[in-house]
Amino acid sequence: MSSDADRRQGLRVQVNDEFAFVDGIMTEYVQNLSRGGLFLRCDETLPIGTEVALRFTILLDDLETIEGKGVVTHHAVRPVRGLGIRFSELTPASRALVERVCPG
């Protein structure tokens, strides 16, 4: 039986580290990203299997926007609260950006 870590698609890339420094203000943001999905740091939860519309920015040289759809796959409470979300559909531009940020 494989673990969640075994089922993840590719290497996780930390993004939006700058938001961690304003933790008292920012309550939700994409913390890491892979070709298969993302981890959304947030206090609220949604049931596993919930389909969500995605539109978020990541900080590279400039702000880049990623848009598409995803499905909640797991909840986390430690070390931070949040949701694991698997991409089910991304716009072509967003897919290209994810592949640029998350090589291989």
PDB file of N, CA and C in Angstrom:
ATOM      1  N   MET A   1       0.850  -1.177   0.000  1.00  0.00           N
ATOM      2  CA  MET A   1       0.000   0.000   0.000  1.00  0.00           C
ATOM      3  C   MET A   1       0.889   1.231   0.000  1.00  0.00           C
ATOM      4  N   SER A   2       0.641   2.170  -0.907  1.00  0.00           N
ATOM      5  CA  SER A   2       1.496   3.348  -0.992  1.00  0.00           C
ATOM      6  C   SER A   2       0.960   4.465  -0.118  1.00  0.00           C
ATOM      7  N   SER A   3       1.870   5.321   0.320  1.00  0.00           N
ATOM      8  CA  SER A   3       1.495   6.457   1.153  1.00  0.00           C
ATOM      9  C   SER A   3       1.147   7.636   0.268  1.00  0.00           C
ATOM     10  N   ASP A   4       0.602   8.721   0.879  1.00  0.00           N
ATOM     11  CA  ASP A   4       0.311   9.940   0.130  1.00  0.00           C
ATOM     12  C   ASP A   4       1.564  10.464  -0.545  1.00  0.00           C
ATOM     13  N   ALA A   5       2.688  10.393   0.153  1.00  0.00           N
ATOM     14  CA  ALA A   5       3.940  10.894  -0.414  1.00  0.00           C
ATOM     15  C   ALA A   5       4.320  10.109  -1.666  1.00  0.00           C
ATOM     16  N   ASP A   6       4.045   8.794  -1.684  1.00  0.00           N
ATOM     17  CA  ASP A   6       4.367   7.970  -2.840  1.00  0.00           C
ATOM     18  C   ASP A   6       3.482   8.301  -4.037  1.00  0.00           C
ATOM     19  N   ARG A   7       2.248   8.729  -3.782  1.00  0.00           N
ATOM     20  CA  ARG A   7       1.303   9.027  -4.858  1.00  0.00           C
ATOM     21  C   ARG A   7       1.482  10.426  -5.429  1.00  0.00           C
ATOM     22  N   ARG A   8       2.230  11.296  -4.759  1.00  0.00           N
ATOM     23  CA  ARG A   8       2.433  12.649  -5.257  1.00  0.00           C
ATOM     24  C   ARG A   8       3.143  12.612  -6.587  1.00  0.00           C
ATOM     25  N   GLN A   9       2.774  13.550  -7.439  1.00  0.00           N
ATOM     26  CA  GLN A   9       3.381  13.617  -8.755  1.00  0.00           C
ATOM     27  C   GLN A   9       4.507  14.640  -8.739  1.00  0.00           C
ATOM     28  N   GLY A  10       5.716  14.189  -8.602  1.00  0.00           N
ATOM     29  CA  GLY A  10       6.878  15.051  -8.732  1.00  0.00           C
ATOM     30  C   GLY A  10       7.287  15.792  -7.482  1.00  0.00           C
ATOM     31  N   LEU A  11       8.388  16.450  -7.629  1.00  0.00           N
ATOM     32  CA  LEU A  11       9.007  17.225  -6.577  1.00  0.00           C
ATOM     33  C   LEU A  11       8.165  18.422  -6.191  1.00  0.00           C
ATOM     34  N   ARG A  12       8.056  18.703  -4.902  1.00  0.00           N
ATOM     35  CA  ARG A  12       7.364  19.886  -4.401  1.00  0.00           C
ATOM     36  C   ARG A  12       8.336  21.057  -4.398  1.00  0.00           C
ATOM     37  N   VAL A  13       7.883  22.192  -4.917  1.00  0.00           N
ATOM     38  CA  VAL A  13       8.692  23.404  -4.957  1.00  0.00           C
ATOM     39  C   VAL A  13       8.060  24.420  -4.024  1.00  0.00           C
ATOM     40  N   GLN A  14       8.842  24.937  -3.071  1.00  0.00           N
ATOM     41  CA  GLN A  14       8.345  25.975  -2.172  1.00  0.00           C
ATOM     42  C   GLN A  14       8.116  27.244  -2.970  1.00  0.00           C
ATOM     43  N   VAL A  15       6.960  27.850  -2.794  1.00  0.00           N
ATOM     44  CA  VAL A  15       6.632  29.120  -3.429  1.00  0.00           C
ATOM     45  C   VAL A  15       6.034  30.039  -2.378  1.00  0.00           C
ATOM     46  N   ASN A  16       6.062  31.303  -2.661  1.00  0.00           N
ATOM     47  CA  ASN A  16       5.436  32.304  -1.805  1.00  0.00           C
ATOM     48  C   ASN A  16       5.989  32.309  -0.388  1.00  0.00           C
ATOM     49  N   ASP A  17       7.283  32.035  -0.238  1.00  0.00           N
ATOM     50  CA  ASP A  17       7.896  32.078   1.089  1.00  0.00           C
ATOM     51  C   ASP A  17       7.745  33.449   1.737  1.00  0.00           C
ATOM     52  N   GLU A  18       7.675  34.504   0.925  1.00  0.00           N
ATOM     53  CA  GLU A  18       7.531  35.844   1.464  1.00  0.00           C
ATOM     54  C   GLU A  18       6.267  35.984   2.308  1.00  0.00           C
ATOM     55  N   PHE A  19       5.207  35.246   1.954  1.00  0.00           N
ATOM     56  CA  PHE A  19       3.965  35.344   2.714  1.00  0.00           C
ATOM     57  C   PHE A  19       4.117  34.794   4.124  1.00  0.00           C
ATOM     58  N   ALA A  20       5.042  33.888   4.337  1.00  0.00           N
ATOM     59  CA  ALA A  20       5.243  33.310   5.667  1.00  0.00           C
ATOM     60  C   ALA A  20       5.655  34.380   6.678  1.00  0.00           C
ATOM     61  N   PHE A  21       6.262  35.450   6.211  1.00  0.00           N
ATOM     62  CA  PHE A  21       6.724  36.495   7.130  1.00  0.00           C
ATOM     63  C   PHE A  21       5.598  37.417   7.578  1.00  0.00           C
ATOM     64  N   VAL A  22       4.442  37.353   6.940  1.00  0.00           N
ATOM     65  CA  VAL A  22       3.294  38.154   7.345  1.00  0.00           C
ATOM     66  C   VAL A  22       2.180  37.235   7.824  1.00  0.00           C
ATOM     67  N   ASP A  23       2.553  36.207   8.536  1.00  0.00           N
ATOM     68  CA  ASP A  23       1.641  35.151   8.949  1.00  0.00           C
ATOM     69  C   ASP A  23       0.428  35.681   9.695  1.00  0.00           C
ATOM     70  N   GLY A  24       0.583  36.728  10.492  1.00  0.00           N
ATOM     71  CA  GLY A  24      -0.545  37.267  11.238  1.00  0.00           C
ATOM     72  C   GLY A  24      -1.575  37.929  10.348  1.00  0.00           C
ATOM     73  N   ILE A  25      -1.196  38.271   9.128  1.00  0.00           N
ATOM     74  CA  ILE A  25      -2.095  38.959   8.205  1.00  0.00           C
ATOM     75  C   ILE A  25      -2.619  37.999   7.141  1.00  0.00           C
ATOM     76  N   MET A  26      -1.708  37.262   6.512  1.00  0.00           N
ATOM     77  CA  MET A  26      -2.098  36.334   5.451  1.00  0.00           C
ATOM     78  C   MET A  26      -2.578  35.031   6.078  1.00  0.00           C
ATOM     79  N   THR A  27      -3.830  34.681   5.860  1.00  0.00           N
ATOM     80  CA  THR A  27      -4.339  33.438   6.445  1.00  0.00           C
ATOM     81  C   THR A  27      -4.383  32.300   5.442  1.00  0.00           C
ATOM     82  N   GLU A  28      -4.262  32.605   4.155  1.00  0.00           N
ATOM     83  CA  GLU A  28      -4.215  31.516   3.183  1.00  0.00           C
ATOM     84  C   GLU A  28      -3.350  31.906   1.998  1.00  0.00           C
ATOM     85  N   TYR A  29      -2.572  30.953   1.567  1.00  0.00           N
ATOM     86  CA  TYR A  29      -1.736  31.131   0.383  1.00  0.00           C
ATOM     87  C   TYR A  29      -1.187  29.782  -0.041  1.00  0.00           C
ATOM     88  N   VAL A  30      -0.808  29.683  -1.311  1.00  0.00           N
ATOM     89  CA  VAL A  30      -0.202  28.464  -1.820  1.00  0.00           C
ATOM     90  C   VAL A  30       1.220  28.403  -1.281  1.00  0.00           C
ATOM     91  N   GLN A  31       1.515  27.347  -0.533  1.00  0.00           N
ATOM     92  CA  GLN A  31       2.825  27.220   0.107  1.00  0.00           C
ATOM     93  C   GLN A  31       3.807  26.435  -0.745  1.00  0.00           C
ATOM     94  N   ASN A  32       3.321  25.366  -1.400  1.00  0.00           N
ATOM     95  CA  ASN A  32       4.205  24.631  -2.304  1.00  0.00           C
ATOM     96  C   ASN A  32       3.406  24.108  -3.482  1.00  0.00           C
ATOM     97  N   LEU A  33       4.147  23.784  -4.521  1.00  0.00           N
ATOM     98  CA  LEU A  33       3.548  23.473  -5.806  1.00  0.00           C
ATOM     99  C   LEU A  33       4.310  22.318  -6.434  1.00  0.00           C
ATOM    100  N   SER A  34       3.602  21.443  -7.131  1.00  0.00           N
ATOM    101  CA  SER A  34       4.236  20.398  -7.928  1.00  0.00           C
ATOM    102  C   SER A  34       3.481  20.331  -9.246  1.00  0.00           C
ATOM    103  N   ARG A  35       3.945  19.524 -10.157  1.00  0.00           N
ATOM    104  CA  ARG A  35       3.231  19.374 -11.426  1.00  0.00           C
ATOM    105  C   ARG A  35       1.841  18.793 -11.213  1.00  0.00           C
ATOM    106  N   GLY A  36       1.651  18.054 -10.135  1.00  0.00           N
ATOM    107  CA  GLY A  36       0.369  17.404  -9.897  1.00  0.00           C
ATOM    108  C   GLY A  36      -0.601  18.167  -9.024  1.00  0.00           C
ATOM    109  N   GLY A  37      -0.115  19.164  -8.285  1.00  0.00           N
ATOM    110  CA  GLY A  37      -1.025  19.868  -7.390  1.00  0.00           C
ATOM    111  C   GLY A  37      -0.308  20.859  -6.504  1.00  0.00           C
ATOM    112  N   LEU A  38      -0.965  21.199  -5.388  1.00  0.00           N
ATOM    113  CA  LEU A  38      -0.435  22.234  -4.504  1.00  0.00           C
ATOM    114  C   LEU A  38      -0.853  21.980  -3.069  1.00  0.00           C
ATOM    115  N   PHE A  39      -0.195  22.685  -2.163  1.00  0.00           N
ATOM    116  CA  PHE A  39      -0.619  22.711  -0.765  1.00  0.00           C
ATOM    117  C   PHE A  39      -1.062  24.123  -0.468  1.00  0.00           C
ATOM    118  N   LEU A  40      -2.326  24.273  -0.068  1.00  0.00           N
ATOM    119  CA  LEU A  40      -2.900  25.563   0.271  1.00  0.00           C
ATOM    120  C   LEU A  40      -2.885  25.711   1.781  1.00  0.00           C
ATOM    121  N   ARG A  41      -2.097  26.651   2.268  1.00  0.00           N
ATOM    122  CA  ARG A  41      -2.075  26.920   3.707  1.00  0.00           C
ATOM    123  C   ARG A  41      -3.323  27.736   4.019  1.00  0.00           C
ATOM    124  N   CYS A  42      -4.185  27.197   4.893  1.00  0.00           N
ATOM    125  CA  CYS A  42      -5.435  27.879   5.235  1.00  0.00           C
ATOM    126  C   CYS A  42      -5.985  27.316   6.540  1.00  0.00           C
ATOM    127  N   ASP A  43      -6.851  28.070   7.175  1.00  0.00           N
ATOM    128  CA  ASP A  43      -7.478  27.624   8.412  1.00  0.00           C
ATOM    129  C   ASP A  43      -8.755  26.826   8.158  1.00  0.00           C
ATOM    130  N   GLU A  44      -9.441  27.135   7.075  1.00  0.00           N
ATOM    131  CA  GLU A  44     -10.700  26.460   6.740  1.00  0.00           C
ATOM    132  C   GLU A  44     -10.414  25.128   6.053  1.00  0.00           C
ATOM    133  N   THR A  45     -11.350  24.202   6.172  1.00  0.00           N
ATOM    134  CA  THR A  45     -11.215  22.929   5.461  1.00  0.00           C
ATOM    135  C   THR A  45     -12.419  22.712   4.563  1.00  0.00           C
ATOM    136  N   LEU A  46     -12.216  21.908   3.571  1.00  0.00           N
ATOM    137  CA  LEU A  46     -13.279  21.450   2.678  1.00  0.00           C
ATOM    138  C   LEU A  46     -13.234  19.931   2.680  1.00  0.00           C
ATOM    139  N   PRO A  47     -14.360  19.280   2.461  1.00  0.00           N
ATOM    140  CA  PRO A  47     -14.348  17.815   2.437  1.00  0.00           C
ATOM    141  C   PRO A  47     -13.441  17.270   1.333  1.00  0.00           C
ATOM    142  N   ILE A  48     -12.788  16.163   1.620  1.00  0.00           N
ATOM    143  CA  ILE A  48     -11.980  15.484   0.605  1.00  0.00           C
ATOM    144  C   ILE A  48     -12.897  15.121  -0.565  1.00  0.00           C
ATOM    145  N   GLY A  49     -12.414  15.372  -1.777  1.00  0.00           N
ATOM    146  CA  GLY A  49     -13.199  15.133  -2.978  1.00  0.00           C
ATOM    147  C   GLY A  49     -13.891  16.383  -3.505  1.00  0.00           C
ATOM    148  N   THR A  50     -13.864  17.474  -2.738  1.00  0.00           N
ATOM    149  CA  THR A  50     -14.486  18.721  -3.189  1.00  0.00           C
ATOM    150  C   THR A  50     -13.732  19.281  -4.379  1.00  0.00           C
ATOM    151  N   GLU A  51     -14.473  19.644  -5.420  1.00  0.00           N
ATOM    152  CA  GLU A  51     -13.874  20.292  -6.581  1.00  0.00           C
ATOM    153  C   GLU A  51     -13.792  21.789  -6.301  1.00  0.00           C
ATOM    154  N   VAL A  52     -12.661  22.385  -6.639  1.00  0.00           N
ATOM    155  CA  VAL A  52     -12.450  23.807  -6.372  1.00  0.00           C
ATOM    156  C   VAL A  52     -11.945  24.505  -7.626  1.00  0.00           C
ATOM    157  N   ALA A  53     -12.362  25.753  -7.780  1.00  0.00           N
ATOM    158  CA  ALA A  53     -11.814  26.601  -8.835  1.00  0.00           C
ATOM    159  C   ALA A  53     -10.539  27.221  -8.281  1.00  0.00           C
ATOM    160  N   LEU A  54      -9.493  27.207  -9.068  1.00  0.00           N
ATOM    161  CA  LEU A  54      -8.200  27.716  -8.625  1.00  0.00           C
ATOM    162  C   LEU A  54      -7.830  28.974  -9.400  1.00  0.00           C
ATOM    163  N   ARG A  55      -7.399  29.977  -8.675  1.00  0.00           N
ATOM    164  CA  ARG A  55      -6.813  31.179  -9.279  1.00  0.00           C
ATOM    165  C   ARG A  55      -5.918  31.774  -8.204  1.00  0.00           C
ATOM    166  N   PHE A  56      -4.616  31.663  -8.402  1.00  0.00           N
ATOM    167  CA  PHE A  56      -3.673  32.151  -7.405  1.00  0.00           C
ATOM    168  C   PHE A  56      -2.426  32.676  -8.095  1.00  0.00           C
ATOM    169  N   THR A  57      -1.680  33.457  -7.360  1.00  0.00           N
ATOM    170  CA  THR A  57      -0.434  33.990  -7.894  1.00  0.00           C
ATOM    171  C   THR A  57       0.732  33.372  -7.149  1.00  0.00           C
ATOM    172  N   ILE A  58       1.841  33.281  -7.846  1.00  0.00           N
ATOM    173  CA  ILE A  58       3.092  32.880  -7.215  1.00  0.00           C
ATOM    174  C   ILE A  58       4.102  33.978  -7.491  1.00  0.00           C
ATOM    175  N   LEU A  59       5.010  34.128  -6.562  1.00  0.00           N
ATOM    176  CA  LEU A  59       6.025  35.164  -6.677  1.00  0.00           C
ATOM    177  C   LEU A  59       7.276  34.592  -7.310  1.00  0.00           C
ATOM    178  N   LEU A  60       7.535  35.011  -8.533  1.00  0.00           N
ATOM    179  CA  LEU A  60       8.782  34.673  -9.209  1.00  0.00           C
ATOM    180  C   LEU A  60       9.510  35.996  -9.388  1.00  0.00           C
ATOM    181  N   ASP A  61      10.044  36.265 -10.555  1.00  0.00           N
ATOM    182  CA  ASP A  61      10.584  37.600 -10.807  1.00  0.00           C
ATOM    183  C   ASP A  61       9.449  38.616 -10.779  1.00  0.00           C
ATOM    184  N   ASP A  62       8.293  38.204 -11.263  1.00  0.00           N
ATOM    185  CA  ASP A  62       7.056  38.988 -11.230  1.00  0.00           C
ATOM    186  C   ASP A  62       5.971  38.102 -10.647  1.00  0.00           C
ATOM    187  N   LEU A  63       4.798  38.685 -10.380  1.00  0.00           N
ATOM    188  CA  LEU A  63       3.657  37.874  -9.980  1.00  0.00           C
ATOM    189  C   LEU A  63       3.141  37.133 -11.207  1.00  0.00           C
ATOM    190  N   GLU A  64       2.953  35.845 -11.076  1.00  0.00           N
ATOM    191  CA  GLU A  64       2.419  35.011 -12.156  1.00  0.00           C
ATOM    192  C   GLU A  64       1.122  34.388 -11.658  1.00  0.00           C
ATOM    193  N   THR A  65       0.104  34.345 -12.507  1.00  0.00           N
ATOM    194  CA  THR A  65      -1.205  33.802 -12.133  1.00  0.00           C
ATOM    195  C   THR A  65      -1.395  32.407 -12.723  1.00  0.00           C
ATOM    196  N   ILE A  66      -1.869  31.505 -11.879  1.00  0.00           N
ATOM    197  CA  ILE A  66      -2.190  30.138 -12.294  1.00  0.00           C
ATOM    198  C   ILE A  66      -3.689  29.951 -12.096  1.00  0.00           C
ATOM    199  N   GLU A  67      -4.362  29.427 -13.148  1.00  0.00           N
ATOM    200  CA  GLU A  67      -5.806  29.240 -13.102  1.00  0.00           C
ATOM    201  C   GLU A  67      -6.179  27.838 -13.562  1.00  0.00           C
ATOM    202  N   GLY A  68      -7.222  27.300 -12.953  1.00  0.00           N
ATOM    203  CA  GLY A  68      -7.710  25.999 -13.358  1.00  0.00           C
ATOM    204  C   GLY A  68      -8.677  25.435 -12.340  1.00  0.00           C
ATOM    205  N   LYS A  69      -8.717  24.106 -12.271  1.00  0.00           N
ATOM    206  CA  LYS A  69      -9.589  23.404 -11.334  1.00  0.00           C
ATOM    207  C   LYS A  69      -8.781  22.344 -10.607  1.00  0.00           C
ATOM    208  N   GLY A  70      -9.253  21.996  -9.407  1.00  0.00           N
ATOM    209  CA  GLY A  70      -8.580  20.967  -8.629  1.00  0.00           C
ATOM    210  C   GLY A  70      -9.557  20.237  -7.733  1.00  0.00           C
ATOM    211  N   VAL A  71      -9.031  19.219  -7.053  1.00  0.00           N
ATOM    212  CA  VAL A  71      -9.824  18.393  -6.147  1.00  0.00           C
ATOM    213  C   VAL A  71      -9.061  18.281  -4.827  1.00  0.00           C
ATOM    214  N   VAL A  72      -9.757  18.512  -3.711  1.00  0.00           N
ATOM    215  CA  VAL A  72      -9.144  18.373  -2.389  1.00  0.00           C
ATOM    216  C   VAL A  72      -8.821  16.897  -2.156  1.00  0.00           C
ATOM    217  N   THR A  73      -7.547  16.616  -1.825  1.00  0.00           N
ATOM    218  CA  THR A  73      -7.129  15.228  -1.616  1.00  0.00           C
ATOM    219  C   THR A  73      -6.795  14.904  -0.167  1.00  0.00           C
ATOM    220  N   HIS A  74      -6.403  15.910   0.618  1.00  0.00           N
ATOM    221  CA  HIS A  74      -6.114  15.643   2.034  1.00  0.00           C
ATOM    222  C   HIS A  74      -6.099  16.928   2.847  1.00  0.00           C
ATOM    223  N   HIS A  75      -6.193  16.736   4.164  1.00  0.00           N
ATOM    224  CA  HIS A  75      -6.119  17.836   5.125  1.00  0.00           C
ATOM    225  C   HIS A  75      -4.818  17.700   5.907  1.00  0.00           C
ATOM    226  N   ALA A  76      -4.260  18.815   6.305  1.00  0.00           N
ATOM    227  CA  ALA A  76      -3.072  18.793   7.160  1.00  0.00           C
ATOM    228  C   ALA A  76      -3.311  19.714   8.349  1.00  0.00           C
ATOM    229  N   VAL A  77      -2.777  19.331   9.486  1.00  0.00           N
ATOM    230  CA  VAL A  77      -2.855  20.200  10.667  1.00  0.00           C
ATOM    231  C   VAL A  77      -1.472  20.505  11.229  1.00  0.00           C
ATOM    232  N   ARG A  78      -0.481  19.698  10.879  1.00  0.00           N
ATOM    233  CA  ARG A  78       0.879  19.932  11.350  1.00  0.00           C
ATOM    234  C   ARG A  78       1.851  19.735  10.219  1.00  0.00           C
ATOM    235  N   PRO A  79       2.877  20.479  10.055  1.00  0.00           N
ATOM    236  CA  PRO A  79       3.255  21.593  10.918  1.00  0.00           C
ATOM    237  C   PRO A  79       2.391  22.832  10.718  1.00  0.00           C
ATOM    238  N   VAL A  80       1.626  22.888   9.627  1.00  0.00           N
ATOM    239  CA  VAL A  80       0.685  23.993   9.423  1.00  0.00           C
ATOM    240  C   VAL A  80      -0.639  23.416   8.944  1.00  0.00           C
ATOM    241  N   ARG A  81      -1.713  24.177   9.134  1.00  0.00           N
ATOM    242  CA  ARG A  81      -3.034  23.760   8.667  1.00  0.00           C
ATOM    243  C   ARG A  81      -3.167  24.049   7.180  1.00  0.00           C
ATOM    244  N   GLY A  82      -3.842  23.152   6.476  1.00  0.00           N
ATOM    245  CA  GLY A  82      -4.065  23.411   5.066  1.00  0.00           C
ATOM    246  C   GLY A  82      -4.677  22.243   4.332  1.00  0.00           C
ATOM    247  N   LEU A  83      -4.735  22.405   3.012  1.00  0.00           N
ATOM    248  CA  LEU A  83      -5.359  21.418   2.132  1.00  0.00           C
ATOM    249  C   LEU A  83      -4.404  21.008   1.028  1.00  0.00           C
ATOM    250  N   GLY A  84      -4.341  19.727   0.744  1.00  0.00           N
ATOM    251  CA  GLY A  84      -3.672  19.246  -0.450  1.00  0.00           C
ATOM    252  C   GLY A  84      -4.688  19.232  -1.577  1.00  0.00           C
ATOM    253  N   ILE A  85      -4.318  19.801  -2.712  1.00  0.00           N
ATOM    254  CA  ILE A  85      -5.224  19.889  -3.851  1.00  0.00           C
ATOM    255  C   ILE A  85      -4.514  19.347  -5.090  1.00  0.00           C
ATOM    256  N   ARG A  86      -5.155  18.391  -5.765  1.00  0.00           N
ATOM    257  CA  ARG A  86      -4.629  17.815  -7.009  1.00  0.00           C
ATOM    258  C   ARG A  86      -5.235  18.573  -8.175  1.00  0.00           C
ATOM    259  N   PHE A  87      -4.392  18.961  -9.134  1.00  0.00           N
ATOM    260  CA  PHE A  87      -4.905  19.634 -10.326  1.00  0.00           C
ATOM    261  C   PHE A  87      -5.749  18.659 -11.135  1.00  0.00           C
ATOM    262  N   SER A  88      -6.929  19.103 -11.564  1.00  0.00           N
ATOM    263  CA  SER A  88      -7.728  18.305 -12.493  1.00  0.00           C
ATOM    264  C   SER A  88      -7.758  18.971 -13.868  1.00  0.00           C
ATOM    265  N   GLU A  89      -7.527  20.271 -13.897  1.00  0.00           N
ATOM    266  CA  GLU A  89      -7.517  21.000 -15.163  1.00  0.00           C
ATOM    267  C   GLU A  89      -6.798  22.334 -14.951  1.00  0.00           C
ATOM    268  N   LEU A  90      -5.890  22.667 -15.852  1.00  0.00           N
ATOM    269  CA  LEU A  90      -5.224  23.967 -15.831  1.00  0.00           C
ATOM    270  C   LEU A  90      -5.332  24.583 -17.218  1.00  0.00           C
ATOM    271  N   THR A  91      -5.352  25.911 -17.279  1.00  0.00           N
ATOM    272  CA  THR A  91      -5.305  26.554 -18.584  1.00  0.00           C
ATOM    273  C   THR A  91      -3.954  26.217 -19.212  1.00  0.00           C
ATOM    274  N   PRO A  92      -3.848  26.261 -20.543  1.00  0.00           N
ATOM    275  CA  PRO A  92      -2.558  25.963 -21.177  1.00  0.00           C
ATOM    276  C   PRO A  92      -1.416  26.851 -20.655  1.00  0.00           C
ATOM    277  N   ALA A  93      -1.684  28.134 -20.474  1.00  0.00           N
ATOM    278  CA  ALA A  93      -0.639  29.037 -19.960  1.00  0.00           C
ATOM    279  C   ALA A  93      -0.241  28.657 -18.535  1.00  0.00           C
ATOM    280  N   SER A  94      -1.219  28.263 -17.737  1.00  0.00           N
ATOM    281  CA  SER A  94      -0.930  27.863 -16.353  1.00  0.00           C
ATOM    282  C   SER A  94      -0.140  26.561 -16.313  1.00  0.00           C
ATOM    283  N   ARG A  95      -0.493  25.599 -17.165  1.00  0.00           N
ATOM    284  CA  ARG A  95       0.246  24.330 -17.233  1.00  0.00           C
ATOM    285  C   ARG A  95       1.699  24.603 -17.603  1.00  0.00           C
ATOM    286  N   ALA A  96       1.920  25.490 -18.573  1.00  0.00           N
ATOM    287  CA  ALA A  96       3.295  25.828 -18.983  1.00  0.00           C
ATOM    288  C   ALA A  96       4.050  26.482 -17.830  1.00  0.00           C
ATOM    289  N   LEU A  97       3.394  27.333 -17.070  1.00  0.00           N
ATOM    290  CA  LEU A  97       4.046  27.985 -15.944  1.00  0.00           C
ATOM    291  C   LEU A  97       4.399  26.973 -14.851  1.00  0.00           C
ATOM    292  N   VAL A  98       3.486  26.063 -14.536  1.00  0.00           N
ATOM    293  CA  VAL A  98       3.755  25.025 -13.527  1.00  0.00           C
ATOM    294  C   VAL A  98       4.942  24.169 -13.981  1.00  0.00           C
ATOM    295  N   GLU A  99       4.978  23.800 -15.240  1.00  0.00           N
ATOM    296  CA  GLU A  99       6.081  22.982 -15.739  1.00  0.00           C
ATOM    297  C   GLU A  99       7.409  23.749 -15.704  1.00  0.00           C
ATOM    298  N   ARG A 100       7.350  25.073 -15.874  1.00  0.00           N
ATOM    299  CA  ARG A 100       8.574  25.889 -15.781  1.00  0.00           C
ATOM    300  C   ARG A 100       9.064  25.980 -14.334  1.00  0.00           C
ATOM    301  N   VAL A 101       8.123  26.119 -13.408  1.00  0.00           N
ATOM    302  CA  VAL A 101       8.479  26.242 -11.986  1.00  0.00           C
ATOM    303  C   VAL A 101       8.908  24.892 -11.405  1.00  0.00           C
ATOM    304  N   CYS A 102       8.279  23.825 -11.861  1.00  0.00           N
ATOM    305  CA  CYS A 102       8.507  22.470 -11.331  1.00  0.00           C
ATOM    306  C   CYS A 102       9.100  21.584 -12.434  1.00  0.00           C
ATOM    307  N   PRO A 103      10.376  21.725 -12.712  1.00  0.00           N
ATOM    308  CA  PRO A 103      10.959  20.931 -13.788  1.00  0.00           C
ATOM    309  C   PRO A 103      10.975  19.433 -13.453  1.00  0.00           C
ATOM    310  N   GLY A 104      10.890  18.639 -14.510  1.00  0.00           N
ATOM    311  CA  GLY A 104      11.000  17.185 -14.367  1.00  0.00           C
ATOM    312  C   GLY A 104       9.905  16.633 -13.634  1.00  0.00           C
TER     313      GLY A 104
END
